[in-house]
Amino acid sequence: NHMTSFKNFVLSRSVLLFRHDMVPLFLSLKESLHANLTSCGWRDRMRDEARERIRIRGLDRASVDEMTSELLPMGRAAVPEIIKAELIREIHRSLARGQGGDNINGAMDGELSP
């Protein structure tokens, strides 16, 4: 049905515009998270853990998929609570200031407006 296709097009375009509008916020949060994880030693601990697992298994037997499946849950659990809380605070502050998505519909001014 043509109306459903049009609605899907409008929705996907809105999501794309919304995501494009969010890029500066995501980049800022990513930089902040990277700095915080580095300063608390998390990145060094994870790197050392990966190196140790590769040393034990041998370079030829340590697949990327296996390493990822083992290290990802460990890495998530090892992020200090204070860093998680700060990330959430930064997200709330940014959204309260209106950064990253001023228009709730995700459309730029004048686009896709009724």
C-alpha atoms as a PDB file:
ATOM      1  CA  ASN A   1       0.000   0.000   0.000  1.00  0.00           C
ATOM      2  CA  HIS A   2       1.353   3.404  -1.034  1.00  0.00           C
ATOM      3  CA  MET A   3       0.334   5.194   2.172  1.00  0.00           C
ATOM      4  CA  THR A   4       2.220   2.689   4.350  1.00  0.00           C
ATOM      5  CA  SER A   5       5.293   3.042   2.144  1.00  0.00           C
ATOM      6  CA  PHE A   6       5.103   6.820   2.420  1.00  0.00           C
ATOM      7  CA  LYS A   7       4.720   6.663   6.210  1.00  0.00           C
ATOM      8  CA  ASN A   8       7.724   4.316   6.426  1.00  0.00           C
ATOM      9  CA  PHE A   9       9.742   6.701   4.244  1.00  0.00           C
ATOM     10  CA  VAL A  10       8.830   9.706   6.408  1.00  0.00           C
ATOM     11  CA  LEU A  11       9.589   7.773   9.593  1.00  0.00           C
ATOM     12  CA  SER A  12      12.967   6.536   8.328  1.00  0.00           C
ATOM     13  CA  ARG A  13      13.859  10.058   7.145  1.00  0.00           C
ATOM     14  CA  SER A  14      12.885  11.477  10.544  1.00  0.00           C
ATOM     15  CA  VAL A  15      15.039   8.902  12.322  1.00  0.00           C
ATOM     16  CA  LEU A  16      17.952   9.689  10.005  1.00  0.00           C
ATOM     17  CA  LEU A  17      17.614  13.431  10.619  1.00  0.00           C
ATOM     18  CA  PHE A  18      17.264  12.856  14.350  1.00  0.00           C
ATOM     19  CA  ARG A  19      20.399  10.745  14.392  1.00  0.00           C
ATOM     20  CA  HIS A  20      22.280  13.317  12.317  1.00  0.00           C
ATOM     21  CA  ASP A  21      21.234  15.975  14.821  1.00  0.00           C
ATOM     22  CA  MET A  22      22.512  13.799  17.673  1.00  0.00           C
ATOM     23  CA  VAL A  23      26.030  13.324  16.259  1.00  0.00           C
ATOM     24  CA  PRO A  24      27.663  16.236  18.163  1.00  0.00           C
ATOM     25  CA  LEU A  25      26.160  14.997  21.433  1.00  0.00           C
ATOM     26  CA  PHE A  26      27.316  11.425  20.832  1.00  0.00           C
ATOM     27  CA  LEU A  27      30.826  12.562  19.904  1.00  0.00           C
ATOM     28  CA  SER A  28      31.059  14.702  23.025  1.00  0.00           C
ATOM     29  CA  LEU A  29      29.835  11.857  25.241  1.00  0.00           C
ATOM     30  CA  LYS A  30      32.207   9.413  23.565  1.00  0.00           C
ATOM     31  CA  GLU A  31      35.203  11.698  24.126  1.00  0.00           C
ATOM     32  CA  SER A  32      34.231  12.249  27.752  1.00  0.00           C
ATOM     33  CA  LEU A  33      33.721   8.525  28.377  1.00  0.00           C
ATOM     34  CA  HIS A  34      37.042   7.705  26.723  1.00  0.00           C
ATOM     35  CA  ALA A  35      38.861  10.232  28.910  1.00  0.00           C
ATOM     36  CA  ASN A  36      37.175   8.998  32.090  1.00  0.00           C
ATOM     37  CA  LEU A  37      37.874   5.329  31.341  1.00  0.00           C
ATOM     38  CA  THR A  38      41.498   6.144  30.593  1.00  0.00           C
ATOM     39  CA  SER A  39      41.990   8.238  33.723  1.00  0.00           C
ATOM     40  CA  CYS A  40      40.570   5.566  36.048  1.00  0.00           C
ATOM     41  CA  GLY A  41      42.762   2.840  34.543  1.00  0.00           C
ATOM     42  CA  TRP A  42      39.905   0.826  33.013  1.00  0.00           C
ATOM     43  CA  ARG A  43      41.410   0.867  29.519  1.00  0.00           C
ATOM     44  CA  ASP A  44      44.786  -0.345  30.810  1.00  0.00           C
ATOM     45  CA  ARG A  45      43.150  -3.152  32.829  1.00  0.00           C
ATOM     46  CA  MET A  46      41.126  -4.306  29.820  1.00  0.00           C
ATOM     47  CA  ARG A  47      44.166  -4.166  27.530  1.00  0.00           C
ATOM     48  CA  ASP A  48      46.198  -6.174  30.053  1.00  0.00           C
ATOM     49  CA  GLU A  49      43.399  -8.730  30.406  1.00  0.00           C
ATOM     50  CA  ALA A  50      43.205  -9.151  26.621  1.00  0.00           C
ATOM     51  CA  ARG A  51      46.975  -9.563  26.363  1.00  0.00           C
ATOM     52  CA  GLU A  52      46.978 -12.160  29.152  1.00  0.00           C
ATOM     53  CA  ARG A  53      44.233 -14.197  27.489  1.00  0.00           C
ATOM     54  CA  ILE A  54      46.107 -14.093  24.180  1.00  0.00           C
ATOM     55  CA  ARG A  55      49.332 -15.147  25.938  1.00  0.00           C
ATOM     56  CA  ILE A  56      47.609 -18.113  27.598  1.00  0.00           C
ATOM     57  CA  ARG A  57      45.806 -19.290  24.459  1.00  0.00           C
ATOM     58  CA  GLY A  58      48.448 -18.434  21.942  1.00  0.00           C
ATOM     59  CA  LEU A  59      48.069 -15.884  19.206  1.00  0.00           C
ATOM     60  CA  ASP A  60      46.883 -18.435  16.637  1.00  0.00           C
ATOM     61  CA  ARG A  61      44.112 -19.777  18.929  1.00  0.00           C
ATOM     62  CA  ALA A  62      42.701 -16.462  20.202  1.00  0.00           C
ATOM     63  CA  SER A  63      39.894 -15.532  17.820  1.00  0.00           C
ATOM     64  CA  VAL A  64      38.411 -12.056  17.797  1.00  0.00           C
ATOM     65  CA  ASP A  65      34.894 -13.457  18.318  1.00  0.00           C
ATOM     66  CA  GLU A  66      35.917 -15.491  21.375  1.00  0.00           C
ATOM     67  CA  MET A  67      37.898 -12.641  22.885  1.00  0.00           C
ATOM     68  CA  THR A  68      35.013 -10.240  22.345  1.00  0.00           C
ATOM     69  CA  SER A  69      32.440 -12.591  23.840  1.00  0.00           C
ATOM     70  CA  GLU A  70      34.611 -13.041  26.947  1.00  0.00           C
ATOM     71  CA  LEU A  71      35.897  -9.499  27.413  1.00  0.00           C
ATOM     72  CA  LEU A  72      32.742  -7.531  26.614  1.00  0.00           C
ATOM     73  CA  PRO A  73      30.732  -8.616  29.681  1.00  0.00           C
ATOM     74  CA  MET A  74      33.810  -8.240  31.857  1.00  0.00           C
ATOM     75  CA  GLY A  75      34.483  -4.770  30.488  1.00  0.00           C
ATOM     76  CA  ARG A  76      30.911  -3.622  31.021  1.00  0.00           C
ATOM     77  CA  ALA A  77      30.911  -4.900  34.587  1.00  0.00           C
ATOM     78  CA  ALA A  78      34.278  -3.275  35.304  1.00  0.00           C
ATOM     79  CA  VAL A  79      33.182   0.289  34.432  1.00  0.00           C
ATOM     80  CA  PRO A  80      33.113   2.156  37.749  1.00  0.00           C
ATOM     81  CA  GLU A  81      29.639   3.210  38.911  1.00  0.00           C
ATOM     82  CA  ILE A  82      30.773   6.816  39.258  1.00  0.00           C
ATOM     83  CA  ILE A  83      31.639   6.923  35.550  1.00  0.00           C
ATOM     84  CA  LYS A  84      28.277   5.413  34.594  1.00  0.00           C
ATOM     85  CA  ALA A  85      26.498   7.973  36.780  1.00  0.00           C
ATOM     86  CA  GLU A  86      28.502  10.851  35.285  1.00  0.00           C
ATOM     87  CA  LEU A  87      27.659   9.690  31.754  1.00  0.00           C
ATOM     88  CA  ILE A  88      23.957   9.666  32.618  1.00  0.00           C
ATOM     89  CA  ARG A  89      24.248  13.146  34.155  1.00  0.00           C
ATOM     90  CA  GLU A  90      25.986  14.446  31.019  1.00  0.00           C
ATOM     91  CA  ILE A  91      23.237  13.010  28.823  1.00  0.00           C
ATOM     92  CA  HIS A  92      20.531  14.623  30.952  1.00  0.00           C
ATOM     93  CA  ARG A  93      22.351  17.984  31.001  1.00  0.00           C
ATOM     94  CA  SER A  94      22.850  17.942  27.233  1.00  0.00           C
ATOM     95  CA  LEU A  95      19.241  17.085  26.532  1.00  0.00           C
ATOM     96  CA  ALA A  96      18.045  19.728  29.011  1.00  0.00           C
ATOM     97  CA  ARG A  97      20.140  22.347  27.192  1.00  0.00           C
ATOM     98  CA  GLY A  98      18.499  21.245  23.959  1.00  0.00           C
ATOM     99  CA  GLN A  99      21.602  19.774  22.344  1.00  0.00           C
ATOM    100  CA  GLY A 100      21.055  16.870  20.036  1.00  0.00           C
ATOM    101  CA  GLY A 101      17.478  17.012  18.936  1.00  0.00           C
ATOM    102  CA  ASP A 102      15.684  20.291  19.561  1.00  0.00           C
ATOM    103  CA  ASN A 103      12.757  19.146  17.457  1.00  0.00           C
ATOM    104  CA  ILE A 104      11.026  16.151  19.022  1.00  0.00           C
ATOM    105  CA  ASN A 105      10.020  14.867  15.583  1.00  0.00           C
ATOM    106  CA  GLY A 106      13.646  14.767  14.502  1.00  0.00           C
ATOM    107  CA  ALA A 107      12.999  16.999  11.509  1.00  0.00           C
ATOM    108  CA  MET A 108      14.964  20.095  10.725  1.00  0.00           C
ATOM    109  CA  ASP A 109      13.062  23.388  10.781  1.00  0.00           C
ATOM    110  CA  GLY A 110      10.664  23.480   7.883  1.00  0.00           C
ATOM    111  CA  GLU A 111      11.117  19.829   6.918  1.00  0.00           C
ATOM    112  CA  LEU A 112       8.382  17.250   7.223  1.00  0.00           C
ATOM    113  CA  SER A 113       6.177  19.666   9.109  1.00  0.00           C
ATOM    114  CA  PRO A 114       2.413  19.203   8.771  1.00  0.00           C
END
